[in-house]
């Protein structure tokens, strides 16, 4: 029986790490060295797809014997990419803009296995419908959660869920940052079956 390659998550995101841990597969994490600047005129869906694959390829180039997962998420508001706010002021502006609106979070996942030449990427759009939010609600939420490292300034896995009226997706973990249904399918296609290999 051929030994399975080591699994590497090409990400520094604790949210993605916690999600991948659900599959009970041994893995390590390595930070991808990728410039995440959008290309001129690049649509959010294309940006997420390109970056997920670029992250997986970059980490795989340094670990050619491994199986590497890369992922990226971009919030799409009217075709404009909305990233991580980084600051309180930018988070306020993001949530004001998204109040009462439907926002599509484009989450992409890529799996690269250099020893077999396997390379695939999938994109999972998630439509998030925000309630009408007033400034006091936005301010209180941000002070409590400080979601400044999350695209779109809202964490659905905690109090951010109370800002929403609906989440529409066929892969529910995609919104948190790693679509586990698609990730599992890609891993199986690459030769690693999560159920059979789980520990």
N, C-alpha and C. Protein backbone atom coordinates (compact mmCIF):
# COMPACT_ATOMS: atom_id res chain seq x y z
N UNK A 1 0.84 -1.19 0.00
CA UNK A 1 0.00 0.00 0.00
C UNK A 1 0.88 1.25 0.00
N UNK A 2 0.58 2.16 -0.90
CA UNK A 2 1.38 3.37 -1.03
C UNK A 2 1.09 4.30 0.15
N UNK A 3 2.16 4.84 0.72
CA UNK A 3 2.00 5.77 1.84
C UNK A 3 1.38 7.06 1.34
N UNK A 4 0.48 7.61 2.14
CA UNK A 4 -0.15 8.87 1.76
C UNK A 4 0.81 10.02 2.02
N UNK A 5 0.75 11.05 1.17
CA UNK A 5 1.62 12.20 1.39
C UNK A 5 1.14 12.99 2.60
N UNK A 6 2.04 13.74 3.24
CA UNK A 6 1.59 14.60 4.34
C UNK A 6 0.62 15.66 3.82
N UNK A 7 -0.34 16.00 4.66
CA UNK A 7 -1.34 17.00 4.31
C UNK A 7 -0.93 18.34 4.91
N UNK A 8 -0.96 19.38 4.08
CA UNK A 8 -0.60 20.72 4.54
C UNK A 8 -1.72 21.69 4.20
N UNK A 9 -2.12 22.48 5.17
CA UNK A 9 -3.07 23.56 4.94
C UNK A 9 -2.27 24.82 4.65
N UNK A 10 -2.41 25.35 3.46
CA UNK A 10 -1.66 26.54 3.08
C UNK A 10 -2.39 27.80 3.54
N UNK A 11 -2.35 28.02 4.85
CA UNK A 11 -3.09 29.14 5.42
C UNK A 11 -2.62 29.41 6.84
N UNK A 12 -2.72 30.66 7.26
CA UNK A 12 -2.45 31.02 8.66
C UNK A 12 -3.75 31.27 9.41
N UNK A 13 -4.89 31.10 8.74
CA UNK A 13 -6.19 31.39 9.35
C UNK A 13 -6.55 30.36 10.41
N UNK A 14 -6.81 30.84 11.63
CA UNK A 14 -7.23 29.90 12.68
C UNK A 14 -8.61 29.34 12.38
N UNK A 15 -9.44 30.08 11.65
CA UNK A 15 -10.77 29.59 11.31
C UNK A 15 -10.67 28.40 10.36
N UNK A 16 -9.80 28.50 9.37
CA UNK A 16 -9.62 27.38 8.44
C UNK A 16 -8.99 26.18 9.14
N UNK A 17 -8.06 26.45 10.03
CA UNK A 17 -7.41 25.36 10.76
C UNK A 17 -8.45 24.61 11.60
N UNK A 18 -9.31 25.36 12.30
CA UNK A 18 -10.34 24.73 13.14
C UNK A 18 -11.32 23.93 12.29
N UNK A 19 -11.65 24.43 11.10
CA UNK A 19 -12.56 23.69 10.22
C UNK A 19 -11.92 22.39 9.74
N UNK A 20 -10.67 22.47 9.28
CA UNK A 20 -10.01 21.27 8.76
C UNK A 20 -9.85 20.22 9.86
N UNK A 21 -9.70 20.65 11.10
CA UNK A 21 -9.59 19.70 12.22
C UNK A 21 -10.83 18.83 12.35
N UNK A 22 -11.97 19.30 11.85
CA UNK A 22 -13.20 18.51 11.92
C UNK A 22 -13.08 17.21 11.14
N UNK A 23 -12.23 17.18 10.11
CA UNK A 23 -12.09 15.98 9.29
C UNK A 23 -11.20 14.93 9.95
N UNK A 24 -10.58 15.28 11.08
CA UNK A 24 -9.77 14.34 11.87
C UNK A 24 -8.63 13.72 11.06
N UNK A 25 -8.04 14.56 10.22
CA UNK A 25 -6.87 14.15 9.45
C UNK A 25 -5.65 14.85 10.02
N UNK A 26 -4.52 14.16 10.17
CA UNK A 26 -3.32 14.85 10.63
C UNK A 26 -2.83 15.83 9.55
N UNK A 27 -2.54 17.05 9.94
CA UNK A 27 -2.04 18.03 8.97
C UNK A 27 -1.19 19.07 9.69
N UNK A 28 -0.40 19.77 8.90
CA UNK A 28 0.33 20.93 9.40
C UNK A 28 -0.13 22.13 8.59
N UNK A 29 0.18 23.33 9.09
CA UNK A 29 -0.18 24.56 8.38
C UNK A 29 1.09 25.31 8.02
N UNK A 30 1.07 25.92 6.84
CA UNK A 30 2.21 26.71 6.37
C UNK A 30 1.67 27.95 5.68
N UNK A 31 2.25 29.09 5.99
CA UNK A 31 1.78 30.35 5.43
C UNK A 31 2.18 30.49 3.96
N UNK A 32 1.22 30.69 3.06
CA UNK A 32 1.58 30.90 1.66
C UNK A 32 2.17 32.29 1.45
N UNK A 33 3.17 32.38 0.61
CA UNK A 33 3.80 33.66 0.29
C UNK A 33 3.24 34.16 -1.03
N UNK A 34 2.05 34.75 -0.94
CA UNK A 34 1.31 35.15 -2.14
C UNK A 34 0.84 36.59 -1.99
N UNK A 35 1.04 37.38 -3.03
CA UNK A 35 0.52 38.75 -3.07
C UNK A 35 -0.98 38.66 -3.35
N UNK A 36 -1.79 39.18 -2.43
CA UNK A 36 -3.24 39.05 -2.57
C UNK A 36 -3.89 40.27 -3.23
N UNK A 37 -3.10 41.13 -3.83
CA UNK A 37 -3.63 42.32 -4.49
C UNK A 37 -4.46 41.91 -5.71
N UNK A 38 -5.69 42.42 -5.83
CA UNK A 38 -6.49 42.09 -7.01
C UNK A 38 -5.84 42.62 -8.29
N UNK A 39 -6.05 41.91 -9.38
CA UNK A 39 -5.59 42.40 -10.67
C UNK A 39 -6.56 43.48 -11.16
N UNK A 40 -6.13 44.37 -12.03
CA UNK A 40 -7.03 45.42 -12.53
C UNK A 40 -8.29 44.82 -13.14
N UNK A 41 -9.45 45.25 -12.65
CA UNK A 41 -10.73 44.78 -13.17
C UNK A 41 -11.11 43.35 -12.80
N UNK A 42 -10.36 42.74 -11.89
CA UNK A 42 -10.63 41.34 -11.53
C UNK A 42 -11.90 41.21 -10.69
N UNK A 43 -12.80 40.36 -11.11
CA UNK A 43 -14.05 40.15 -10.37
C UNK A 43 -13.77 39.38 -9.08
N UNK A 44 -14.60 39.58 -8.04
CA UNK A 44 -14.37 38.87 -6.77
C UNK A 44 -14.29 37.36 -6.90
N UNK A 45 -15.15 36.75 -7.73
CA UNK A 45 -15.13 35.29 -7.90
C UNK A 45 -13.80 34.85 -8.51
N UNK A 46 -13.33 35.58 -9.50
CA UNK A 46 -12.06 35.24 -10.16
C UNK A 46 -10.90 35.45 -9.19
N UNK A 47 -10.97 36.49 -8.37
CA UNK A 47 -9.91 36.77 -7.40
C UNK A 47 -9.80 35.63 -6.38
N UNK A 48 -10.93 35.20 -5.82
CA UNK A 48 -10.92 34.12 -4.83
C UNK A 48 -10.37 32.84 -5.43
N UNK A 49 -10.79 32.52 -6.65
CA UNK A 49 -10.33 31.30 -7.31
C UNK A 49 -8.84 31.35 -7.60
N UNK A 50 -8.39 32.48 -8.13
CA UNK A 50 -6.97 32.62 -8.45
C UNK A 50 -6.10 32.52 -7.20
N UNK A 51 -6.52 33.20 -6.13
CA UNK A 51 -5.69 33.20 -4.92
C UNK A 51 -5.68 31.85 -4.22
N UNK A 52 -6.80 31.14 -4.20
CA UNK A 52 -6.82 29.81 -3.58
C UNK A 52 -5.81 28.89 -4.27
N UNK A 53 -5.81 28.91 -5.60
CA UNK A 53 -4.89 28.07 -6.36
C UNK A 53 -3.44 28.54 -6.20
N UNK A 54 -3.25 29.85 -6.21
CA UNK A 54 -1.89 30.40 -6.04
C UNK A 54 -1.31 30.02 -4.68
N UNK A 55 -2.13 30.06 -3.64
CA UNK A 55 -1.66 29.70 -2.29
C UNK A 55 -1.27 28.22 -2.23
N UNK A 56 -2.12 27.37 -2.79
CA UNK A 56 -1.82 25.93 -2.78
C UNK A 56 -0.55 25.64 -3.58
N UNK A 57 -0.42 26.27 -4.75
CA UNK A 57 0.77 26.03 -5.59
C UNK A 57 2.04 26.52 -4.90
N UNK A 58 1.95 27.69 -4.26
CA UNK A 58 3.16 28.25 -3.64
C UNK A 58 3.65 27.36 -2.50
N UNK A 59 2.74 26.90 -1.65
CA UNK A 59 3.14 26.02 -0.55
C UNK A 59 3.63 24.69 -1.11
N UNK A 60 2.95 24.17 -2.13
CA UNK A 60 3.36 22.89 -2.74
C UNK A 60 4.75 22.99 -3.36
N UNK A 61 5.11 24.17 -3.86
CA UNK A 61 6.44 24.33 -4.47
C UNK A 61 7.55 24.15 -3.44
N UNK A 62 7.23 24.39 -2.17
CA UNK A 62 8.21 24.21 -1.09
C UNK A 62 8.08 22.86 -0.40
N UNK A 63 6.99 22.14 -0.69
CA UNK A 63 6.74 20.82 -0.11
C UNK A 63 6.28 19.88 -1.23
N UNK A 64 7.16 19.54 -2.16
CA UNK A 64 6.73 18.78 -3.35
C UNK A 64 6.20 17.38 -3.06
N UNK A 65 6.47 16.85 -1.87
CA UNK A 65 5.96 15.52 -1.54
C UNK A 65 4.65 15.55 -0.79
N UNK A 66 4.04 16.73 -0.67
CA UNK A 66 2.84 16.88 0.16
C UNK A 66 1.57 17.03 -0.68
N UNK A 67 0.46 16.96 0.01
CA UNK A 67 -0.86 17.27 -0.54
C UNK A 67 -1.26 18.58 0.13
N UNK A 68 -1.51 19.61 -0.68
CA UNK A 68 -1.68 20.96 -0.13
C UNK A 68 -3.08 21.51 -0.43
N UNK A 69 -3.69 22.09 0.60
CA UNK A 69 -4.98 22.77 0.47
C UNK A 69 -4.73 24.27 0.54
N UNK A 70 -5.28 25.01 -0.42
CA UNK A 70 -5.25 26.47 -0.39
C UNK A 70 -6.68 26.99 -0.44
N UNK A 71 -6.95 28.11 0.20
CA UNK A 71 -8.31 28.64 0.19
C UNK A 71 -8.27 30.16 0.26
N UNK A 72 -9.33 30.77 -0.25
CA UNK A 72 -9.44 32.23 -0.18
C UNK A 72 -10.92 32.60 -0.18
N UNK A 73 -11.21 33.73 0.44
CA UNK A 73 -12.59 34.21 0.50
C UNK A 73 -12.63 35.71 0.23
N UNK A 74 -13.58 36.11 -0.61
CA UNK A 74 -13.76 37.52 -0.94
C UNK A 74 -15.25 37.83 -0.86
N UNK A 75 -15.60 38.89 -0.15
CA UNK A 75 -16.99 39.34 -0.12
C UNK A 75 -17.25 40.16 -1.39
N UNK A 76 -18.37 39.89 -2.03
CA UNK A 76 -18.71 40.51 -3.31
C UNK A 76 -19.94 41.40 -3.11
N UNK A 77 -19.71 42.72 -3.20
CA UNK A 77 -20.82 43.68 -3.10
C UNK A 77 -20.89 44.44 -4.42
N UNK A 78 -21.94 44.16 -5.19
CA UNK A 78 -22.12 44.80 -6.49
C UNK A 78 -20.90 44.62 -7.40
N UNK A 79 -20.29 43.44 -7.33
CA UNK A 79 -19.15 43.16 -8.19
C UNK A 79 -17.83 43.71 -7.69
N UNK A 80 -17.85 44.33 -6.50
CA UNK A 80 -16.62 44.88 -5.92
C UNK A 80 -16.14 43.96 -4.79
N UNK A 81 -14.85 43.68 -4.79
CA UNK A 81 -14.27 42.83 -3.75
C UNK A 81 -14.14 43.59 -2.45
N UNK A 82 -14.69 43.00 -1.38
CA UNK A 82 -14.60 43.58 -0.04
C UNK A 82 -13.78 42.62 0.81
N UNK A 83 -12.64 43.05 1.29
CA UNK A 83 -11.76 42.17 2.04
C UNK A 83 -11.90 42.32 3.54
N UNK A 84 -10.85 41.94 4.26
CA UNK A 84 -10.82 42.10 5.72
C UNK A 84 -10.69 43.57 6.05
N UNK A 85 -11.49 44.07 7.00
CA UNK A 85 -11.45 45.51 7.27
C UNK A 85 -10.15 45.98 7.92
N UNK A 86 -9.62 45.18 8.84
CA UNK A 86 -8.36 45.57 9.49
C UNK A 86 -8.51 46.58 10.61
N UNK A 87 -9.45 47.53 10.45
CA UNK A 87 -9.66 48.56 11.47
C UNK A 87 -11.15 48.69 11.81
N UNK A 88 -11.43 49.30 12.96
CA UNK A 88 -12.81 49.50 13.39
C UNK A 88 -13.56 50.40 12.40
N UNK A 89 -12.91 51.46 11.97
CA UNK A 89 -13.57 52.42 11.07
C UNK A 89 -13.98 51.77 9.75
N UNK A 90 -13.09 50.95 9.21
CA UNK A 90 -13.42 50.29 7.94
C UNK A 90 -14.51 49.24 8.14
N UNK A 91 -14.52 48.58 9.31
CA UNK A 91 -15.56 47.60 9.60
C UNK A 91 -16.93 48.28 9.69
N UNK A 92 -16.98 49.46 10.32
CA UNK A 92 -18.23 50.22 10.39
C UNK A 92 -18.73 50.53 8.98
N UNK A 93 -17.82 51.00 8.13
CA UNK A 93 -18.20 51.35 6.76
C UNK A 93 -18.71 50.13 6.00
N UNK A 94 -18.04 48.98 6.19
CA UNK A 94 -18.47 47.76 5.50
C UNK A 94 -19.88 47.36 5.93
N UNK A 95 -20.13 47.34 7.23
CA UNK A 95 -21.44 46.89 7.71
C UNK A 95 -22.54 47.88 7.34
N UNK A 96 -22.23 49.17 7.34
CA UNK A 96 -23.23 50.14 6.87
C UNK A 96 -23.59 49.88 5.42
N UNK A 97 -22.59 49.59 4.62
CA UNK A 97 -22.82 49.34 3.20
C UNK A 97 -23.63 48.07 2.97
N UNK A 98 -23.41 47.05 3.81
CA UNK A 98 -24.08 45.77 3.61
C UNK A 98 -25.44 45.69 4.28
N UNK A 99 -25.76 46.65 5.13
CA UNK A 99 -27.04 46.66 5.84
C UNK A 99 -28.22 46.56 4.87
N UNK A 100 -29.11 45.61 5.14
CA UNK A 100 -30.31 45.45 4.31
C UNK A 100 -30.06 44.86 2.93
N UNK A 101 -28.86 44.34 2.70
CA UNK A 101 -28.49 43.89 1.36
C UNK A 101 -28.13 42.41 1.35
N UNK A 102 -28.09 41.86 0.16
CA UNK A 102 -27.58 40.51 -0.06
C UNK A 102 -26.14 40.63 -0.53
N UNK A 103 -25.24 39.93 0.13
CA UNK A 103 -23.82 39.95 -0.21
C UNK A 103 -23.40 38.53 -0.53
N UNK A 104 -22.64 38.35 -1.61
CA UNK A 104 -22.17 37.02 -1.98
C UNK A 104 -20.73 36.87 -1.50
N UNK A 105 -20.52 35.89 -0.62
CA UNK A 105 -19.16 35.58 -0.17
C UNK A 105 -18.63 34.48 -1.08
N UNK A 106 -17.59 34.82 -1.85
CA UNK A 106 -16.98 33.88 -2.79
C UNK A 106 -15.85 33.15 -2.06
N UNK A 107 -16.04 31.87 -1.78
CA UNK A 107 -15.02 31.08 -1.11
C UNK A 107 -14.50 30.03 -2.08
N UNK A 108 -13.20 29.99 -2.26
CA UNK A 108 -12.60 29.02 -3.18
C UNK A 108 -11.64 28.12 -2.41
N UNK A 109 -11.55 26.86 -2.84
CA UNK A 109 -10.61 25.91 -2.23
C UNK A 109 -9.89 25.19 -3.36
N UNK A 110 -8.59 25.03 -3.20
CA UNK A 110 -7.77 24.32 -4.19
C UNK A 110 -6.99 23.22 -3.50
N UNK A 111 -6.79 22.12 -4.20
CA UNK A 111 -5.95 21.03 -3.71
C UNK A 111 -4.90 20.74 -4.78
N UNK A 112 -3.65 20.72 -4.36
CA UNK A 112 -2.52 20.48 -5.26
C UNK A 112 -1.67 19.35 -4.69
N UNK A 113 -1.34 18.38 -5.56
CA UNK A 113 -0.48 17.27 -5.17
C UNK A 113 0.61 17.11 -6.23
N UNK A 114 1.78 17.72 -6.01
CA UNK A 114 2.81 17.74 -7.03
C UNK A 114 3.28 16.37 -7.50
N UNK A 115 3.32 15.36 -6.62
CA UNK A 115 3.89 14.07 -7.02
C UNK A 115 3.05 13.33 -8.05
N UNK A 116 1.76 13.69 -8.17
CA UNK A 116 0.90 13.06 -9.17
C UNK A 116 0.44 14.06 -10.24
N UNK A 117 0.76 15.34 -10.03
CA UNK A 117 0.30 16.37 -10.96
C UNK A 117 -1.14 16.79 -10.74
N UNK A 118 -1.76 16.31 -9.65
CA UNK A 118 -3.16 16.66 -9.37
C UNK A 118 -3.26 18.13 -8.98
N UNK A 119 -4.25 18.82 -9.56
CA UNK A 119 -4.46 20.24 -9.26
C UNK A 119 -5.89 20.59 -9.63
N UNK A 120 -6.70 20.90 -8.63
CA UNK A 120 -8.08 21.30 -8.90
C UNK A 120 -8.49 22.41 -7.94
N UNK A 121 -9.41 23.24 -8.41
CA UNK A 121 -9.94 24.32 -7.58
C UNK A 121 -11.45 24.38 -7.75
N UNK A 122 -12.15 24.64 -6.66
CA UNK A 122 -13.61 24.78 -6.69
C UNK A 122 -13.99 26.08 -5.98
N UNK A 123 -15.03 26.71 -6.48
CA UNK A 123 -15.52 27.94 -5.84
C UNK A 123 -16.92 27.70 -5.32
N UNK A 124 -17.18 28.17 -4.11
CA UNK A 124 -18.50 27.99 -3.48
C UNK A 124 -19.05 29.37 -3.10
N UNK A 125 -20.02 29.88 -3.85
CA UNK A 125 -20.63 31.16 -3.48
C UNK A 125 -21.66 30.97 -2.37
N UNK A 126 -21.66 31.88 -1.42
CA UNK A 126 -22.63 31.85 -0.32
C UNK A 126 -23.33 33.21 -0.31
N UNK A 127 -24.65 33.21 -0.44
CA UNK A 127 -25.41 34.46 -0.38
C UNK A 127 -25.82 34.73 1.06
N UNK A 128 -25.40 35.88 1.57
CA UNK A 128 -25.70 36.27 2.95
C UNK A 128 -26.60 37.50 2.90
N UNK A 129 -27.74 37.39 3.56
CA UNK A 129 -28.68 38.52 3.59
C UNK A 129 -28.61 39.18 4.96
N UNK A 130 -28.20 40.46 4.95
CA UNK A 130 -28.08 41.23 6.18
C UNK A 130 -29.40 41.91 6.50
N UNK A 131 -29.74 41.96 7.79
CA UNK A 131 -30.89 42.74 8.23
C UNK A 131 -30.58 44.23 8.08
N UNK A 132 -31.59 45.05 8.24
CA UNK A 132 -31.34 46.50 8.30
C UNK A 132 -30.69 46.78 9.65
N UNK A 133 -29.48 47.31 9.64
CA UNK A 133 -28.71 47.53 10.86
C UNK A 133 -28.59 49.02 11.15
N UNK A 134 -28.84 49.41 12.41
CA UNK A 134 -28.62 50.80 12.76
C UNK A 134 -27.20 50.98 13.31
N UNK A 135 -26.77 52.22 13.41
CA UNK A 135 -25.39 52.50 13.80
C UNK A 135 -25.06 51.99 15.20
N UNK A 136 -26.03 52.06 16.11
CA UNK A 136 -25.79 51.59 17.47
C UNK A 136 -25.54 50.08 17.49
N UNK A 137 -26.34 49.37 16.69
CA UNK A 137 -26.20 47.91 16.59
C UNK A 137 -24.83 47.54 16.01
N UNK A 138 -24.45 48.24 14.95
CA UNK A 138 -23.14 48.00 14.32
C UNK A 138 -22.02 48.25 15.31
N UNK A 139 -22.09 49.38 16.01
CA UNK A 139 -21.04 49.75 16.95
C UNK A 139 -20.94 48.72 18.08
N UNK A 140 -22.07 48.32 18.63
CA UNK A 140 -22.06 47.36 19.74
C UNK A 140 -21.51 46.01 19.27
N UNK A 141 -21.95 45.55 18.10
CA UNK A 141 -21.46 44.28 17.58
C UNK A 141 -19.93 44.32 17.40
N UNK A 142 -19.44 45.38 16.78
CA UNK A 142 -18.00 45.45 16.51
C UNK A 142 -17.18 45.53 17.80
N UNK A 143 -17.67 46.24 18.80
CA UNK A 143 -16.94 46.32 20.07
C UNK A 143 -16.89 44.96 20.77
N UNK A 144 -17.97 44.19 20.64
CA UNK A 144 -18.02 42.88 21.29
C UNK A 144 -17.18 41.83 20.55
N UNK A 145 -17.26 41.82 19.22
CA UNK A 145 -16.65 40.75 18.43
C UNK A 145 -15.28 41.10 17.85
N UNK A 146 -15.08 42.37 17.49
CA UNK A 146 -13.84 42.81 16.84
C UNK A 146 -13.46 41.90 15.68
N UNK A 147 -14.34 41.76 14.69
CA UNK A 147 -14.10 40.82 13.58
C UNK A 147 -13.25 41.43 12.47
N UNK A 148 -12.18 42.07 12.83
CA UNK A 148 -11.40 42.86 11.87
C UNK A 148 -10.55 41.99 10.93
N UNK A 149 -10.48 40.68 11.24
CA UNK A 149 -9.72 39.76 10.38
C UNK A 149 -10.66 38.91 9.51
N UNK A 150 -11.92 39.35 9.39
CA UNK A 150 -12.91 38.59 8.62
C UNK A 150 -13.42 39.42 7.45
N UNK A 151 -13.41 38.83 6.27
CA UNK A 151 -13.96 39.51 5.09
C UNK A 151 -15.41 39.90 5.36
N UNK A 152 -15.73 41.17 5.17
CA UNK A 152 -17.09 41.62 5.37
C UNK A 152 -17.45 41.97 6.81
N UNK A 153 -16.52 41.80 7.74
CA UNK A 153 -16.69 42.27 9.13
C UNK A 153 -17.75 41.55 9.95
N UNK A 154 -18.16 40.36 9.54
CA UNK A 154 -19.17 39.65 10.32
C UNK A 154 -18.80 38.17 10.43
N UNK A 155 -18.80 37.64 11.66
CA UNK A 155 -18.50 36.22 11.88
C UNK A 155 -19.80 35.48 12.15
N UNK A 156 -20.25 34.70 11.17
CA UNK A 156 -21.53 34.02 11.32
C UNK A 156 -21.50 32.93 12.38
N UNK A 157 -20.28 32.44 12.72
CA UNK A 157 -20.20 31.34 13.70
C UNK A 157 -20.35 31.82 15.13
N UNK A 158 -20.39 33.15 15.33
CA UNK A 158 -20.63 33.69 16.67
C UNK A 158 -21.74 34.75 16.59
N UNK A 159 -21.60 35.86 17.27
CA UNK A 159 -22.69 36.84 17.36
C UNK A 159 -23.09 37.44 16.02
N UNK A 160 -22.20 37.40 15.04
CA UNK A 160 -22.53 37.95 13.72
C UNK A 160 -23.75 37.32 13.09
N UNK A 161 -24.10 36.10 13.50
CA UNK A 161 -25.30 35.45 12.97
C UNK A 161 -26.55 36.28 13.25
N UNK A 162 -26.53 37.06 14.32
CA UNK A 162 -27.69 37.88 14.70
C UNK A 162 -27.86 39.10 13.80
N UNK A 163 -26.86 39.40 12.96
CA UNK A 163 -26.96 40.51 12.02
C UNK A 163 -27.66 40.09 10.73
N UNK A 164 -27.90 38.79 10.58
CA UNK A 164 -28.35 38.25 9.30
C UNK A 164 -29.81 37.83 9.32
N UNK A 165 -30.41 37.81 8.13
CA UNK A 165 -31.76 37.26 8.00
C UNK A 165 -31.73 35.92 7.29
N UNK A 166 -30.65 35.62 6.52
CA UNK A 166 -30.57 34.33 5.84
C UNK A 166 -29.16 34.07 5.34
N UNK A 167 -28.81 32.78 5.25
CA UNK A 167 -27.58 32.32 4.61
C UNK A 167 -27.99 31.24 3.62
N UNK A 168 -27.59 31.40 2.36
CA UNK A 168 -27.98 30.45 1.33
C UNK A 168 -26.73 29.81 0.73
N UNK A 169 -26.57 28.49 0.96
CA UNK A 169 -25.38 27.79 0.48
C UNK A 169 -25.62 26.29 0.45
N UNK A 170 -24.89 25.60 -0.44
CA UNK A 170 -24.97 24.13 -0.45
C UNK A 170 -23.76 23.52 0.26
N UNK A 171 -22.93 24.35 0.88
CA UNK A 171 -21.75 23.86 1.60
C UNK A 171 -21.57 24.78 2.82
N UNK A 172 -22.25 24.47 3.93
CA UNK A 172 -22.42 25.44 5.02
C UNK A 172 -21.16 25.98 5.68
N UNK A 173 -20.04 25.23 5.62
CA UNK A 173 -18.83 25.76 6.25
C UNK A 173 -18.09 26.75 5.35
N UNK A 174 -18.54 26.92 4.12
CA UNK A 174 -17.86 27.83 3.19
C UNK A 174 -17.79 29.25 3.75
N UNK A 175 -18.86 29.69 4.39
CA UNK A 175 -18.89 31.06 4.88
C UNK A 175 -17.85 31.30 5.97
N UNK A 176 -17.51 30.28 6.74
CA UNK A 176 -16.51 30.43 7.79
C UNK A 176 -15.10 30.47 7.20
N UNK A 177 -14.94 29.93 5.96
CA UNK A 177 -13.64 30.08 5.31
C UNK A 177 -13.09 28.87 4.60
N UNK A 178 -13.69 27.67 4.85
CA UNK A 178 -13.21 26.47 4.16
C UNK A 178 -14.41 25.56 3.89
N UNK A 179 -14.83 25.43 2.63
CA UNK A 179 -15.99 24.60 2.32
C UNK A 179 -15.65 23.12 2.44
N UNK A 180 -16.04 22.50 3.54
CA UNK A 180 -15.58 21.15 3.84
C UNK A 180 -16.17 20.07 2.92
N UNK A 181 -17.36 20.29 2.38
CA UNK A 181 -17.91 19.31 1.44
C UNK A 181 -17.05 19.27 0.18
N UNK A 182 -16.74 20.45 -0.38
CA UNK A 182 -15.88 20.51 -1.58
C UNK A 182 -14.45 20.07 -1.25
N UNK A 183 -13.96 20.46 -0.07
CA UNK A 183 -12.60 20.06 0.31
C UNK A 183 -12.49 18.55 0.38
N UNK A 184 -13.48 17.91 0.99
CA UNK A 184 -13.48 16.44 1.09
C UNK A 184 -13.50 15.80 -0.29
N UNK A 185 -14.31 16.35 -1.19
CA UNK A 185 -14.38 15.81 -2.55
C UNK A 185 -13.05 15.95 -3.28
N UNK A 186 -12.40 17.09 -3.13
CA UNK A 186 -11.10 17.31 -3.77
C UNK A 186 -10.04 16.39 -3.18
N UNK A 187 -10.07 16.20 -1.87
CA UNK A 187 -9.10 15.29 -1.25
C UNK A 187 -9.29 13.86 -1.74
N UNK A 188 -10.55 13.43 -1.86
CA UNK A 188 -10.80 12.08 -2.40
C UNK A 188 -10.26 11.96 -3.82
N UNK A 189 -10.51 12.99 -4.63
CA UNK A 189 -10.03 12.97 -6.02
C UNK A 189 -8.51 12.93 -6.09
N UNK A 190 -7.87 13.52 -5.08
CA UNK A 190 -6.40 13.55 -5.04
C UNK A 190 -5.80 12.29 -4.42
N UNK A 191 -6.66 11.39 -3.88
CA UNK A 191 -6.17 10.13 -3.35
C UNK A 191 -6.19 10.00 -1.85
N UNK A 192 -6.81 10.95 -1.17
CA UNK A 192 -6.90 10.88 0.30
C UNK A 192 -8.39 10.91 0.67
N UNK A 193 -8.89 9.81 1.20
CA UNK A 193 -10.30 9.71 1.56
C UNK A 193 -10.45 10.09 3.04
N UNK A 194 -11.09 11.22 3.35
CA UNK A 194 -11.18 11.67 4.74
C UNK A 194 -11.80 10.65 5.68
N UNK A 195 -12.85 9.95 5.27
CA UNK A 195 -13.50 9.00 6.16
C UNK A 195 -12.58 7.81 6.42
N UNK A 196 -11.95 7.30 5.39
CA UNK A 196 -11.09 6.13 5.56
C UNK A 196 -9.78 6.47 6.27
N UNK A 197 -9.35 7.71 6.17
CA UNK A 197 -8.05 8.09 6.76
C UNK A 197 -8.19 8.84 8.09
N UNK A 198 -9.41 9.12 8.50
CA UNK A 198 -9.62 9.90 9.74
C UNK A 198 -9.06 9.14 10.95
N UNK A 199 -8.62 9.91 11.93
CA UNK A 199 -8.07 9.32 13.15
C UNK A 199 -8.81 9.82 14.38
